[in-house]
Protein backbone atom coordinates (compact mmCIF):
# COMPACT_ATOMS: atom_id res chain seq x y z
CA MET A 1 175.17 51.15 61.23
CA GLY A 2 176.63 48.86 63.87
CA PHE A 3 176.80 45.11 64.17
CA THR A 4 173.69 44.95 66.36
CA ASP A 5 171.65 46.94 63.84
CA ILE A 6 172.65 44.57 61.06
CA LEU A 7 171.83 41.60 63.29
CA TYR A 8 168.35 43.00 63.93
CA LEU A 9 167.83 43.56 60.21
CA ILE A 10 168.73 39.95 59.48
CA LEU A 11 166.46 38.77 62.31
CA TRP A 12 163.41 40.75 61.17
CA ALA A 13 163.90 39.88 57.50
CA GLY A 14 164.37 36.20 58.27
CA LEU A 15 161.28 36.06 60.47
CA ALA A 16 159.18 37.90 57.87
CA ILE A 17 160.24 35.54 55.09
CA TYR A 18 159.63 32.50 57.29
CA MET A 19 156.15 33.71 58.28
CA PHE A 20 155.10 34.42 54.69
CA PHE A 21 156.31 31.05 53.41
CA SER A 22 154.90 28.99 56.28
CA ALA A 23 151.55 30.80 56.54
CA HIS A 24 149.83 28.69 53.90
CA LYS A 25 150.88 25.47 55.68
CA ILE A 26 150.34 26.42 59.31
CA SER A 27 147.79 29.22 59.60
CA PRO A 28 146.77 32.36 57.70
CA ILE A 29 147.34 34.28 60.96
CA LEU A 30 151.04 34.14 60.19
CA TYR A 31 150.49 36.58 57.32
CA ILE A 32 149.75 39.23 59.96
CA ALA A 33 152.94 38.29 61.78
CA GLY A 34 154.81 38.48 58.48
CA VAL A 35 153.52 42.00 57.85
CA PHE A 36 154.57 42.95 61.38
CA PHE A 37 158.10 41.61 60.91
CA THR A 38 158.31 43.37 57.54
CA PHE A 39 157.36 46.59 59.30
CA MET A 40 160.03 45.95 61.95
CA PHE A 41 162.60 45.31 59.21
CA ALA A 42 161.71 48.54 57.41
CA TRP A 43 161.74 50.59 60.63
CA TYR A 44 165.14 49.30 61.72
CA LEU A 45 166.53 49.76 58.20
CA ILE A 46 165.37 53.38 58.06
CA ASN A 47 166.61 53.93 61.62
CA GLY A 48 170.05 52.69 60.62
CA LEU A 49 170.27 54.73 57.43
CA ILE A 50 169.24 58.18 58.63
CA PRO A 51 171.10 60.21 61.26
CA GLU A 52 168.03 60.72 63.49
CA ASN A 53 167.14 58.08 66.06
CA LEU A 54 163.63 56.83 65.31
CA MET A 55 163.36 55.12 68.69
CA ASP A 56 163.26 58.42 70.64
CA GLY A 57 160.61 61.10 70.94
CA VAL A 58 157.50 61.18 68.78
CA PRO A 59 158.75 58.63 66.20
CA GLY A 60 159.46 56.20 69.06
CA LEU A 61 155.95 56.71 70.41
CA VAL A 62 154.47 56.12 66.95
CA PHE A 63 156.58 52.95 66.67
CA LYS A 64 155.29 51.65 70.02
CA ILE A 65 151.68 52.43 69.12
CA ILE A 66 151.97 50.64 65.78
CA CYS A 67 153.59 47.62 67.48
CA GLY A 68 150.79 47.55 70.05
CA CYS A 69 148.13 47.69 67.35
CA PHE A 70 149.78 44.84 65.43
CA LEU A 71 149.96 42.81 68.63
CA ALA A 72 146.30 43.45 69.45
CA VAL A 73 145.15 42.53 65.93
CA PHE A 74 147.31 39.39 65.94
CA PHE A 75 145.91 38.19 69.26
CA LEU A 76 142.36 38.99 68.16
CA PHE A 77 142.74 36.88 65.01
CA TYR A 78 144.49 34.16 67.02
CA TYR A 79 141.66 34.05 69.56
CA LEU A 80 138.97 33.99 66.86
CA ASN A 81 140.80 31.24 64.98
CA LYS A 82 141.16 29.10 68.12
CA ARG A 83 137.52 29.68 68.98
CA LYS A 84 136.42 28.68 65.46
CA ASN A 85 138.53 25.51 65.50
CA LYS A 86 137.30 24.54 68.96
CA SER A 87 133.65 24.32 67.96
């Protein structure tokens, strides 16, 4: 595991912790972001610990699909929350 991998692990873990602790103050939408960053942390941790590269081939495609789904769900909840607060 290289320096960049460790840096990404610290980044994803820090963002996940921040989102979970600030969600009750700012918005419950941040719980979804916290779950996403926890997923990113776990994926990069597993990618660094096993000899296979999880960013290539079918696992990479699965990773991109999961990231896209998280992004779509996050924006859907964000839009619905903004719409609710506007009226």
